[in-house]
């Protein structure tokens, strides 16, 4: 996955963006809205939950919802 050339915010593409996902740490569900590459190099997923509040989790903890 590489960062988009026109994006200065560190966003990167991910195949699940815009799709229902589950955070395997908290078991919260929502829609994957963005994946950012932090300054440390960590990839963080931003998910909009069913309550319409956004939360973040490591990308490695995200899987497609069934």
C-alpha atoms as a PDB file:
ATOM      1  CA  UNK A   1       0.000   0.000   0.000  1.00  0.00           C
ATOM      2  CA  UNK A   2       1.434   3.317  -0.956  1.00  0.00           C
ATOM      3  CA  UNK A   3       0.427   6.837  -0.071  1.00  0.00           C
ATOM      4  CA  UNK A   4      -1.473   8.776  -2.689  1.00  0.00           C
ATOM      5  CA  UNK A   5       0.805  11.233  -4.449  1.00  0.00           C
ATOM      6  CA  UNK A   6      -1.599  14.146  -3.947  1.00  0.00           C
ATOM      7  CA  UNK A   7      -2.185  13.569  -0.243  1.00  0.00           C
ATOM      8  CA  UNK A   8      -0.197  15.570   2.285  1.00  0.00           C
ATOM      9  CA  UNK A   9      -2.046  14.126   5.295  1.00  0.00           C
ATOM     10  CA  UNK A  10      -0.440  10.690   5.160  1.00  0.00           C
ATOM     11  CA  UNK A  11      -3.534   8.870   3.883  1.00  0.00           C
ATOM     12  CA  UNK A  12      -2.933   5.564   2.176  1.00  0.00           C
ATOM     13  CA  UNK A  13      -5.179   3.295   0.134  1.00  0.00           C
ATOM     14  CA  UNK A  14      -6.742   0.209   1.692  1.00  0.00           C
ATOM     15  CA  UNK A  15      -9.085  -2.339   0.085  1.00  0.00           C
ATOM     16  CA  UNK A  16     -11.676  -2.010   2.887  1.00  0.00           C
ATOM     17  CA  UNK A  17     -12.131   1.783   2.820  1.00  0.00           C
ATOM     18  CA  UNK A  18     -15.842   2.531   2.628  1.00  0.00           C
ATOM     19  CA  UNK A  19     -16.781  -0.994   3.711  1.00  0.00           C
ATOM     20  CA  UNK A  20     -18.100  -2.428   6.998  1.00  0.00           C
ATOM     21  CA  UNK A  21     -15.279  -3.581   9.288  1.00  0.00           C
ATOM     22  CA  UNK A  22     -14.677  -4.904  12.803  1.00  0.00           C
ATOM     23  CA  UNK A  23     -11.962  -3.753  15.204  1.00  0.00           C
ATOM     24  CA  UNK A  24     -10.752  -7.100  16.570  1.00  0.00           C
ATOM     25  CA  UNK A  25      -9.418  -5.484  19.781  1.00  0.00           C
ATOM     26  CA  UNK A  26     -12.666  -3.887  20.925  1.00  0.00           C
ATOM     27  CA  UNK A  27     -15.113  -5.810  18.687  1.00  0.00           C
ATOM     28  CA  UNK A  28     -16.653  -2.475  17.649  1.00  0.00           C
ATOM     29  CA  UNK A  29     -18.066  -2.336  14.137  1.00  0.00           C
ATOM     30  CA  UNK A  30     -18.285   0.485  11.650  1.00  0.00           C
ATOM     31  CA  UNK A  31     -17.186   1.788   8.262  1.00  0.00           C
ATOM     32  CA  UNK A  32     -13.489   2.162   7.507  1.00  0.00           C
ATOM     33  CA  UNK A  33     -13.087   5.826   6.593  1.00  0.00           C
ATOM     34  CA  UNK A  34      -9.316   6.268   6.264  1.00  0.00           C
ATOM     35  CA  UNK A  35      -5.907   4.741   6.870  1.00  0.00           C
ATOM     36  CA  UNK A  36      -3.056   7.053   7.831  1.00  0.00           C
ATOM     37  CA  UNK A  37       0.648   6.482   8.084  1.00  0.00           C
ATOM     38  CA  UNK A  38       1.769   8.166  11.301  1.00  0.00           C
ATOM     39  CA  UNK A  39       5.164   9.859  11.693  1.00  0.00           C
ATOM     40  CA  UNK A  40       6.353   6.768  13.572  1.00  0.00           C
ATOM     41  CA  UNK A  41       5.515   4.642  10.526  1.00  0.00           C
ATOM     42  CA  UNK A  42       2.545   2.969  12.225  1.00  0.00           C
ATOM     43  CA  UNK A  43      -0.598   2.577  10.119  1.00  0.00           C
ATOM     44  CA  UNK A  44      -3.765   3.737  11.884  1.00  0.00           C
ATOM     45  CA  UNK A  45      -7.305   2.938  10.752  1.00  0.00           C
ATOM     46  CA  UNK A  46     -10.102   5.451  11.325  1.00  0.00           C
ATOM     47  CA  UNK A  47     -13.510   3.830  11.633  1.00  0.00           C
ATOM     48  CA  UNK A  48     -16.911   5.524  11.898  1.00  0.00           C
ATOM     49  CA  UNK A  49     -18.906   3.473  14.377  1.00  0.00           C
ATOM     50  CA  UNK A  50     -22.607   2.756  14.341  1.00  0.00           C
ATOM     51  CA  UNK A  51     -23.072   5.722  16.686  1.00  0.00           C
ATOM     52  CA  UNK A  52     -21.446   7.933  13.987  1.00  0.00           C
ATOM     53  CA  UNK A  53     -18.434   8.655  16.186  1.00  0.00           C
ATOM     54  CA  UNK A  54     -15.030   7.999  14.711  1.00  0.00           C
ATOM     55  CA  UNK A  55     -12.458   5.888  16.527  1.00  0.00           C
ATOM     56  CA  UNK A  56      -8.994   4.681  15.641  1.00  0.00           C
ATOM     57  CA  UNK A  57      -7.192   1.375  15.866  1.00  0.00           C
ATOM     58  CA  UNK A  58      -4.072  -0.203  14.353  1.00  0.00           C
ATOM     59  CA  UNK A  59      -4.702  -1.451  10.814  1.00  0.00           C
ATOM     60  CA  UNK A  60      -3.617  -4.939  11.864  1.00  0.00           C
ATOM     61  CA  UNK A  61      -6.715  -5.076  14.114  1.00  0.00           C
ATOM     62  CA  UNK A  62      -9.185  -4.428  11.278  1.00  0.00           C
ATOM     63  CA  UNK A  63     -11.043  -7.132   9.373  1.00  0.00           C
ATOM     64  CA  UNK A  64     -14.047  -7.142   7.072  1.00  0.00           C
ATOM     65  CA  UNK A  65     -17.386  -7.476   8.848  1.00  0.00           C
ATOM     66  CA  UNK A  66     -19.451 -10.552   8.031  1.00  0.00           C
END
